[in-house]
Protein backbone atom coordinates (compact mmCIF):
# COMPACT_ATOMS: atom_id res chain seq x y z
CA MET A 1 18.07 156.23 -1.48
CA ARG A 2 15.70 153.62 0.42
CA PRO A 3 15.61 153.60 4.29
CA SER A 4 17.32 150.56 5.93
CA VAL A 5 13.98 149.16 6.75
CA TRP A 6 11.57 148.75 3.98
CA CYS A 7 8.71 146.53 2.72
CA ARG A 8 7.13 146.28 -0.75
CA GLU A 9 5.88 144.08 -3.44
CA ALA A 10 8.42 143.09 -6.03
CA ARG A 11 9.22 140.84 -8.93
CA LEU A 12 12.38 138.88 -9.20
CA PRO A 13 13.17 137.93 -12.73
CA SER A 14 12.42 134.42 -13.52
CA SER A 15 15.91 134.02 -14.84
CA PHE A 16 17.37 135.11 -11.46
CA VAL A 17 15.52 132.40 -9.65
CA ASP A 18 16.39 129.97 -12.46
CA ASP A 19 20.00 130.75 -11.88
CA LEU A 20 20.09 130.23 -8.09
CA MET A 21 18.08 127.06 -8.39
CA ASN A 22 20.08 125.62 -11.16
CA ARG A 23 23.33 126.26 -9.36
CA TRP A 24 22.12 123.83 -6.52
CA ILE A 25 19.60 121.60 -8.33
CA HIS A 26 20.35 119.68 -11.21
CA SER A 27 17.94 117.37 -13.18
CA SER A 28 19.02 115.17 -16.14
CA HIS A 29 17.53 117.29 -18.88
CA ARG A 30 15.54 120.55 -18.27
CA ARG A 31 15.19 122.62 -15.31
CA THR A 32 12.04 124.53 -15.05
CA ILE A 33 10.70 126.97 -12.92
CA ALA A 34 7.40 128.84 -12.77
CA PRO A 35 8.03 132.16 -14.72
CA MET A 36 7.56 135.51 -13.21
CA LEU A 37 7.22 134.45 -9.51
CA THR A 38 5.41 137.57 -7.63
CA PHE A 39 6.43 137.60 -4.02
CA HIS A 40 7.06 139.72 -1.04
CA ARG A 41 10.79 140.18 -0.31
CA ALA A 42 10.46 139.09 3.30
CA SER A 43 9.16 135.75 1.78
CA PHE A 44 12.07 135.23 -0.45
CA ALA A 45 13.51 132.06 1.47
CA ALA A 46 9.89 130.69 1.66
CA ALA A 47 9.60 131.35 -2.34
CA LEU A 48 12.80 129.53 -2.85
CA ALA A 49 11.92 126.64 -0.59
CA ALA A 50 8.66 126.19 -2.29
CA THR A 51 10.07 126.33 -5.79
CA SER A 52 12.85 123.87 -4.86
CA ALA A 53 10.22 121.27 -4.35
CA LEU A 54 9.70 121.37 -8.39
CA PHE A 55 13.28 120.00 -8.44
CA VAL A 56 15.07 116.62 -7.72
CA ILE A 57 18.57 116.91 -6.45
CA ASN A 58 20.77 114.47 -8.11
CA ALA A 59 22.65 112.57 -5.37
CA CYS A 60 23.73 114.90 -5.84
CA SER A 61 46.56 100.33 -9.20
CA SER A 62 49.70 98.62 -8.01
CA ASP A 63 53.23 99.54 -9.49
CA SER A 64 54.48 95.97 -9.60
CA GLU A 65 57.01 97.06 -12.38
CA ASN A 66 58.82 99.23 -9.89
CA SER A 67 60.19 96.25 -7.64
CA TRP A 68 63.52 94.54 -8.83
CA THR A 69 65.43 91.58 -7.73
CA PRO A 70 69.10 91.78 -7.58
CA SER A 71 71.05 89.46 -10.07
CA ALA A 72 72.26 86.21 -8.68
CA GLY A 73 75.61 87.25 -10.00
CA GLY A 74 75.84 90.06 -7.49
CA THR A 75 77.30 87.67 -4.68
CA ALA A 76 79.49 85.68 -7.08
CA HIS A 77 83.18 85.79 -7.22
CA GLY A 78 85.09 88.06 -9.58
CA GLY A 79 84.19 86.92 -13.03
CA ALA A 80 80.83 85.67 -12.46
CA ALA A 81 79.82 88.82 -11.01
CA GLY A 82 81.21 90.77 -13.97
CA GLN A 83 78.92 88.82 -16.36
CA ALA A 84 75.90 89.75 -14.15
CA GLY A 85 76.79 93.40 -14.58
CA THR A 86 76.41 93.25 -18.32
CA ALA A 87 72.69 92.67 -17.75
CA GLY A 88 72.52 95.92 -15.65
CA ALA A 89 72.89 99.54 -16.76
CA ALA A 90 76.21 99.60 -15.04
CA GLY A 91 77.38 96.13 -16.75
CA GLN A 92 80.42 97.82 -18.34
CA SER A 93 81.83 98.92 -14.84
CA GLY A 94 81.44 95.19 -13.83
CA GLN A 95 83.38 93.90 -16.92
CA ALA A 96 86.10 96.28 -16.13
CA GLY A 97 86.59 95.33 -12.57
CA THR A 98 88.75 92.58 -11.22
CA ALA A 99 87.56 89.66 -9.16
CA GLY A 100 85.43 90.69 -5.87
CA ALA A 101 85.44 94.58 -6.93
CA ALA A 102 83.73 93.62 -10.16
CA GLY A 103 81.00 91.75 -8.34
CA GLN A 104 80.00 94.85 -6.54
CA SER A 105 79.81 96.75 -9.65
CA GLY A 106 77.74 93.99 -11.28
CA GLN A 107 75.34 94.17 -8.44
CA ALA A 108 74.85 97.85 -8.99
CA GLY A 109 74.43 97.34 -12.59
CA SER A 110 71.40 95.15 -11.89
CA ALA A 111 69.85 97.85 -9.73
CA GLY A 112 70.45 100.49 -12.50
CA ALA A 113 68.90 98.42 -15.05
CA SER A 114 65.60 97.97 -13.16
CA THR A 115 65.27 101.56 -12.21
CA GLY A 116 65.68 102.67 -15.84
CA GLY A 117 62.96 100.19 -16.91
CA ALA A 118 60.57 101.28 -14.43
CA SER A 119 56.97 102.62 -15.71
CA ASN A 120 56.54 104.99 -12.56
CA GLU A 121 59.18 107.78 -12.56
CA CYS A 122 57.91 109.32 -9.24
CA GLY A 123 59.92 107.18 -7.00
CA GLY A 124 57.10 104.58 -6.31
CA ALA A 125 54.41 107.24 -5.67
CA ASP A 126 50.79 105.96 -5.85
CA LEU A 127 49.43 108.05 -8.56
CA THR A 128 45.95 107.28 -7.53
CA SER A 129 46.44 108.81 -4.04
CA ASP A 130 49.58 110.95 -3.78
CA PRO A 131 48.51 114.61 -3.62
CA LYS A 132 51.99 115.54 -4.98
CA ASN A 133 51.83 113.17 -7.83
CA CYS A 134 48.07 113.12 -8.52
CA GLY A 135 47.23 111.12 -11.90
CA THR A 136 50.51 112.06 -13.37
CA CYS A 137 53.94 112.71 -11.89
CA GLY A 138 54.51 115.99 -10.34
CA HIS A 139 50.82 116.94 -10.46
CA ASP A 140 50.36 118.76 -7.18
CA CYS A 141 47.05 119.02 -5.58
CA ASP A 142 48.20 122.28 -3.84
CA GLY A 143 47.06 121.16 -0.44
CA GLY A 144 43.97 119.19 -1.56
CA ALA A 145 43.56 115.39 -1.29
CA CYS A 146 44.02 113.26 -4.21
CA LYS A 147 41.51 110.43 -4.88
CA SER A 148 41.41 108.05 -7.72
CA GLY A 149 43.99 109.99 -9.35
CA VAL A 150 42.12 113.42 -9.50
CA CYS A 151 42.48 116.51 -7.03
CA GLN A 152 39.57 117.03 -4.73
CA GLY A 153 40.17 120.87 -4.40
CA VAL A 154 41.19 123.16 -1.33
CA VAL A 155 38.28 124.91 0.49
CA LEU A 156 39.20 128.63 0.81
CA VAL A 157 35.64 129.65 2.49
CA SER A 158 32.83 127.67 3.62
CA GLY A 159 29.27 128.36 5.00
CA GLN A 160 28.39 130.85 2.25
CA ARG A 161 24.71 131.52 1.90
CA ILE A 162 23.36 131.70 -1.60
CA ALA A 163 26.84 132.26 -3.15
CA ARG A 164 27.08 133.37 -6.71
CA SER A 165 28.85 135.59 -9.20
CA LEU A 166 32.41 134.68 -8.53
CA VAL A 167 35.10 137.00 -10.32
CA GLN A 168 38.84 137.44 -9.75
CA ASP A 169 41.62 139.94 -10.28
CA ALA A 170 45.38 139.18 -10.04
CA THR A 171 45.37 138.45 -6.24
CA SER A 172 41.69 137.92 -4.80
CA LEU A 173 38.33 136.60 -5.39
CA TYR A 174 34.99 138.21 -5.01
CA TRP A 175 31.55 136.87 -4.77
CA ILE A 176 28.02 137.76 -3.79
CA VAL A 177 26.32 136.15 -0.68
CA SER A 178 22.71 136.62 0.83
CA PRO A 179 22.96 136.20 4.67
CA SER A 180 19.23 136.68 4.73
CA SER A 181 16.19 136.46 2.50
CA THR A 182 16.18 140.14 1.97
CA ASP A 183 19.82 141.25 1.96
CA SER A 184 23.03 140.86 -0.21
CA GLY A 185 26.52 141.81 0.24
CA ILE A 186 30.03 141.09 -1.48
CA MET A 187 32.92 139.07 0.18
CA LYS A 188 36.65 138.93 -0.77
CA VAL A 189 39.28 136.47 -0.06
CA ALA A 190 43.08 136.25 -1.08
CA LYS A 191 43.64 133.47 -3.70
CA SER A 192 46.15 132.11 -1.51
CA GLY A 193 43.53 131.77 1.35
CA GLY A 194 43.00 133.45 4.41
CA THR A 195 40.16 135.32 6.35
CA PRO A 196 37.36 136.50 4.18
CA GLU A 197 36.13 140.01 4.36
CA TRP A 198 33.14 142.08 3.55
CA LEU A 199 34.04 144.45 0.59
CA VAL A 200 30.44 145.71 0.25
CA PRO A 201 28.54 145.20 3.54
CA VAL A 202 25.19 143.53 3.73
CA GLN A 203 22.37 145.72 2.41
CA SER A 204 18.60 145.45 1.46
CA GLN A 205 19.21 144.83 -2.20
CA PHE A 206 19.37 141.78 -4.54
CA LEU A 207 23.00 141.91 -5.96
CA TRP A 208 23.75 139.99 -8.89
CA GLY A 209 26.43 140.12 -11.74
CA MET A 210 29.92 141.40 -11.18
CA ALA A 211 32.97 142.32 -13.29
CA VAL A 212 36.54 143.89 -12.59
CA ALA A 213 38.15 146.65 -14.23
CA ASN A 214 40.89 149.11 -13.18
CA GLY A 215 40.92 148.30 -9.74
CA GLU A 216 37.26 148.65 -9.20
CA LEU A 217 34.53 146.01 -8.94
CA TYR A 218 31.34 146.64 -10.96
CA TYR A 219 28.05 145.24 -9.79
CA ALA A 220 24.37 145.13 -10.52
CA ALA A 221 21.86 146.22 -7.85
CA SER A 222 19.13 144.26 -9.45
CA GLU A 223 15.80 146.04 -8.33
CA ALA A 224 13.17 147.38 -10.27
CA LYS A 225 12.92 150.90 -11.56
CA PRO A 226 13.88 153.39 -10.06
CA ASP A 227 16.01 151.39 -7.67
CA GLY A 228 17.97 149.36 -10.21
CA ALA A 229 21.57 150.52 -10.51
CA ILE A 230 25.04 149.78 -11.64
CA MET A 231 27.52 150.33 -8.76
CA LYS A 232 31.13 150.29 -8.42
CA VAL A 233 33.57 149.94 -5.39
CA PRO A 234 37.38 149.97 -5.04
CA VAL A 235 38.74 146.30 -4.65
CA SER A 236 40.88 147.63 -1.94
CA GLY A 237 37.72 148.77 -0.15
CA GLY A 238 35.65 151.98 0.26
CA THR A 239 32.24 153.40 -0.31
CA PRO A 240 30.26 152.12 -3.20
CA VAL A 241 29.19 154.60 -5.58
CA ALA A 242 26.45 154.40 -8.47
CA VAL A 243 27.67 154.45 -12.03
CA VAL A 244 23.99 154.74 -13.36
CA THR A 245 20.78 154.48 -11.61
CA GLY A 246 17.21 154.22 -12.50
CA ARG A 247 17.68 150.83 -14.45
CA ASP A 248 15.06 148.10 -14.50
CA TYR A 249 16.42 144.79 -13.19
CA PRO A 250 19.92 145.04 -14.22
CA ALA A 251 21.53 141.58 -14.28
CA SER A 252 24.78 140.17 -16.03
CA VAL A 253 27.54 142.77 -16.21
CA ALA A 254 30.73 142.96 -18.27
CA VAL A 255 33.49 145.51 -18.81
CA ASP A 256 36.26 146.62 -21.25
CA SER A 257 38.89 149.39 -20.82
CA THR A 258 36.44 152.26 -21.20
CA ALA A 259 32.99 151.11 -20.46
CA VAL A 260 30.72 148.75 -18.27
CA TYR A 261 27.78 146.68 -20.15
CA TRP A 262 24.83 145.05 -18.46
CA SER A 263 21.65 143.20 -19.36
CA GLU A 264 18.32 144.43 -17.89
CA GLY A 265 14.49 144.13 -18.32
CA MET A 266 11.66 141.93 -17.34
CA PRO A 267 10.13 140.56 -19.45
CA GLY A 268 12.28 140.54 -22.33
CA TRP A 269 15.78 141.57 -22.63
CA ALA A 270 17.74 144.71 -23.08
CA LEU A 271 21.49 145.64 -23.22
CA ALA A 272 22.92 148.99 -22.06
CA THR A 273 26.28 150.58 -21.46
CA ALA A 274 27.82 153.62 -19.54
CA PRO A 275 31.48 154.95 -19.16
CA LEU A 276 33.28 153.24 -16.34
CA ALA A 277 33.64 156.66 -14.69
CA GLY A 278 29.79 157.15 -14.83
CA GLY A 279 27.51 159.03 -16.96
CA SER A 280 24.43 158.53 -19.00
CA ALA A 281 23.27 154.95 -19.89
CA VAL A 282 22.90 154.10 -23.65
CA LEU A 283 20.58 151.46 -24.69
CA LEU A 284 22.34 149.26 -27.04
CA ALA A 285 19.66 146.77 -28.17
CA GLN A 286 16.34 145.18 -26.91
CA SER A 287 14.02 142.46 -27.56
CA GLU A 288 10.86 143.04 -29.61
CA GLY A 289 8.07 141.24 -28.17
CA GLY A 290 7.97 137.38 -27.28
CA ASP A 291 8.25 135.52 -24.36
CA TYR A 292 12.09 136.25 -23.76
CA ARG A 293 13.92 135.87 -20.36
CA ASN A 294 16.55 138.51 -19.36
CA ALA A 295 19.61 137.93 -21.20
CA ARG A 296 21.47 135.03 -19.29
CA ALA A 297 25.35 136.18 -19.76
CA ILE A 298 27.14 138.71 -21.70
CA ALA A 299 30.61 139.13 -23.09
CA VAL A 300 32.44 141.87 -24.88
CA ASP A 301 35.36 142.43 -27.00
CA SER A 302 36.44 145.23 -29.60
CA SER A 303 34.19 143.49 -32.22
CA GLY A 304 30.91 143.81 -30.12
CA LEU A 305 28.72 142.74 -27.44
CA PHE A 306 27.48 138.94 -27.22
CA TRP A 307 24.72 137.43 -25.04
CA THR A 308 22.60 134.42 -24.76
CA VAL A 309 18.85 134.66 -24.59
CA SER A 310 16.01 131.91 -24.18
CA LYS A 311 12.29 131.54 -24.13
CA SER A 312 10.30 130.45 -21.07
CA ASP A 313 9.75 127.20 -22.96
CA PRO A 314 13.00 125.87 -24.32
CA SER A 315 11.43 123.13 -26.25
CA VAL A 316 10.15 125.68 -28.90
CA LYS A 317 13.99 126.05 -29.87
CA GLU A 318 13.96 129.79 -30.19
CA ALA A 319 16.77 130.83 -28.09
CA ALA A 320 20.05 132.37 -29.60
CA VAL A 321 23.34 133.63 -29.14
CA MET A 322 23.06 137.29 -30.07
CA LYS A 323 25.36 140.03 -31.11
CA SER A 324 25.40 143.90 -31.33
CA GLY A 325 27.84 146.59 -31.96
CA LEU A 326 29.28 148.80 -29.21
CA GLN A 327 27.28 151.63 -30.21
CA ALA A 328 23.33 151.75 -30.29
CA GLY A 329 21.89 149.82 -33.40
CA PRO A 330 20.12 146.66 -34.17
CA ALA A 331 21.25 143.24 -32.71
CA THR A 332 21.46 140.18 -34.81
CA SER A 333 21.47 136.51 -34.16
CA LEU A 334 24.84 134.87 -34.32
CA VAL A 335 23.36 131.21 -33.75
CA SER A 336 19.64 130.57 -33.56
CA GLY A 337 17.36 127.57 -33.17
CA LEU A 338 18.92 126.77 -29.59
CA LEU A 339 17.28 125.30 -26.64
CA GLU A 340 18.53 126.98 -23.49
CA PRO A 341 22.09 128.82 -24.10
CA TRP A 342 23.55 129.89 -20.82
CA GLY A 343 27.21 130.81 -20.11
CA ILE A 344 29.05 132.81 -22.73
CA LEU A 345 32.77 133.32 -23.26
CA LEU A 346 34.83 135.29 -25.91
CA ASN A 347 38.47 134.55 -26.59
CA ALA A 348 40.47 135.07 -29.65
CA SER A 349 37.67 135.96 -31.95
CA VAL A 350 35.78 132.92 -30.95
CA VAL A 351 32.36 132.75 -28.98
CA TYR A 352 31.91 129.73 -26.60
CA TRP A 353 28.59 128.93 -24.93
CA THR A 354 26.99 126.15 -22.80
CA ASP A 355 23.28 124.86 -23.40
CA VAL A 356 21.68 123.45 -20.20
CA SER A 357 18.95 121.81 -21.92
CA ASP A 358 20.83 119.79 -24.41
CA ASN A 359 24.08 119.57 -22.15
CA THR A 360 26.40 120.97 -24.56
CA VAL A 361 29.58 123.10 -24.97
CA SER A 362 29.83 124.82 -28.38
CA LYS A 363 31.68 127.34 -30.21
CA VAL A 364 31.42 129.70 -33.24
CA PRO A 365 33.45 132.53 -34.86
CA SER A 366 32.47 135.85 -33.45
CA SER A 367 32.08 136.98 -37.08
CA GLY A 368 29.60 133.80 -37.47
CA GLY A 369 30.12 130.66 -39.44
CA ASP A 370 29.92 126.90 -38.56
CA VAL A 371 29.16 125.94 -35.01
CA VAL A 372 31.37 123.42 -33.50
CA VAL A 373 29.96 121.22 -30.71
CA LEU A 374 33.02 120.71 -28.27
CA ALA A 375 31.33 118.55 -25.76
CA THR A 376 28.06 116.74 -24.99
CA GLY A 377 26.61 115.22 -21.87
CA GLU A 378 28.14 118.03 -19.81
CA ASN A 379 25.85 119.69 -17.27
CA ALA A 380 27.68 122.94 -17.73
CA THR A 381 26.62 126.57 -16.85
CA ASP A 382 29.75 128.97 -16.98
CA LEU A 383 33.00 128.76 -18.97
CA ALA A 384 36.48 129.92 -18.40
CA ILE A 385 39.58 129.79 -20.63
CA GLN A 386 43.23 129.95 -19.90
CA GLY A 387 46.08 129.16 -22.57
CA ASP A 388 44.71 126.58 -24.86
CA SER A 389 42.23 124.98 -22.47
CA ILE A 390 38.51 125.78 -21.67
CA TYR A 391 37.13 124.83 -18.29
CA TRP A 392 33.69 124.41 -16.76
CA GLY A 393 31.81 122.75 -13.88
CA ASN A 394 29.37 119.86 -14.26
CA SER A 395 27.38 118.16 -11.62
CA SER A 396 30.20 116.88 -9.87
CA ALA A 397 33.48 117.91 -11.13
CA ILE A 398 35.79 120.57 -12.73
CA ARG A 399 36.18 119.71 -16.40
CA LYS A 400 38.78 120.61 -18.89
CA MET A 401 39.45 120.14 -22.75
CA PRO A 402 41.56 121.74 -25.47
CA VAL A 403 39.79 124.79 -27.06
CA SER A 404 40.65 123.09 -30.45
CA GLY A 405 38.59 120.14 -29.56
CA GLY A 406 39.11 116.71 -27.90
CA THR A 407 37.96 114.78 -24.99
CA PRO A 408 36.93 116.52 -21.66
CA VAL A 409 38.77 115.28 -18.63
CA SER A 410 37.96 115.87 -14.78
CA ILE A 411 40.85 117.74 -13.12
CA VAL A 412 38.82 117.99 -9.88
CA ALA A 413 36.32 115.53 -8.46
CA GLY A 414 34.04 115.22 -5.36
CA GLN A 415 32.11 118.40 -5.93
CA THR A 416 28.34 119.25 -5.70
CA ASN A 417 26.88 121.61 -8.30
CA PRO A 418 30.14 123.55 -8.96
CA GLY A 419 29.84 126.69 -11.01
CA TRP A 420 30.95 130.29 -11.52
CA VAL A 421 34.42 128.86 -12.85
CA ASN A 422 37.40 131.27 -12.87
CA VAL A 423 41.13 130.35 -13.97
CA ASP A 424 44.45 131.96 -13.89
CA ASP A 425 48.00 130.88 -14.92
CA ALA A 426 48.30 128.56 -11.79
CA SER A 427 44.85 127.57 -10.57
CA VAL A 428 41.12 127.25 -11.17
CA TYR A 429 38.59 128.62 -8.84
CA TRP A 430 34.88 127.90 -8.34
CA ILE A 431 31.82 128.07 -6.23
CA ASP A 432 30.53 124.61 -4.95
CA ASN A 433 26.90 124.80 -3.77
CA PRO A 434 25.93 121.44 -2.10
CA THR A 435 22.83 123.38 -0.56
CA PRO A 436 21.89 127.05 -0.69
CA GLU A 437 23.10 127.39 2.80
CA THR A 438 26.71 125.72 2.56
CA GLY A 439 28.33 127.43 -0.49
CA LYS A 440 32.15 126.87 -0.70
CA ILE A 441 34.71 128.98 -2.42
CA VAL A 442 37.16 126.29 -3.78
CA ARG A 443 40.67 126.39 -5.51
CA SER A 444 42.69 123.78 -7.24
CA PRO A 445 45.74 123.42 -9.69
CA ARG A 446 44.50 123.70 -13.27
């Protein structure tokens, strides 16, 4: 255990700096950063500020058919009113009446005809601005505003410095923040909103990937050997304990019902695992030379472990989506010749991933096969799936499309560099990072 006050030289993996900067800073194509920055931990903020100079921040109908005019016959005597009634939905009532009574029925019939033929069934609501009928009748923005027919999202928490790694369970959201240049902590808030609280108090460690399983939150204390570790803490609160220690810059984290998996290593990549309860780590696979970065993101199911890797120079097209078994053994390339694959997701034996250099969202069977490009021109990093839809954040919106293919649509607008997307039966959640100092946790109906 390190003392609470410490000072040493350290290397932050270039992939981590990439991740932090790319959440806030988006160029139209490649996002480049000097690899393997060596720096003093106390100068972390200055290093990020200096690095950010390499990037450019993108800045970052009337319902006339609803009106109706009563038929002129509505004010006529008996028979005339009855004739007007046949023009409306209640015309039959008009015919059946006598004299003046029929006139009243005829007038009602005219009104009924007009209502039945209206194109807007939301009682005259403006679908471009009504938060209860945003874009379509009955689409409720759940407390958020509606602008141009698109919900704007509800900010649950604001003012989060270097917010990252959002994950969820049934009732709560969890994310990492860095209140200062040398510290990290983990926060928690109810999905319904409320006062955020510290789950893991601020400490002198750089925390990164997280995953939830069996009522516990697993996370990476991303430090060099021997200080790198995979930790866990009850989601209800408590004292964090180490699952494994002595790791080398652990980063992305995934879990299944029995084990925790993580990426590590710098330079290059490696994938390892350990039981959820703790125990000896097992190295599953690792790179063999080459200018590889740490694995970007990982995902697991019963068929194996999947991850994305890239080179420092994406233009060489030697990046790949990789796969290995859940026991130690060789890794294989599921998809090769990519530019810069980033987020990865597994669902129903299909692997989905984003590429931040060619701005695509793609999929392939987890057993291998033909690649299908689902979307192009999307500045996406992370992915989430619920039901038959896939979600991601681009430069200014939360996007959605069918997993089978189709046209992406914006379900939330007015964002600035949204990422770390999560989704459940009712809502989509994400981190919006206008600047490193002003991160927000946001929710909107899915």
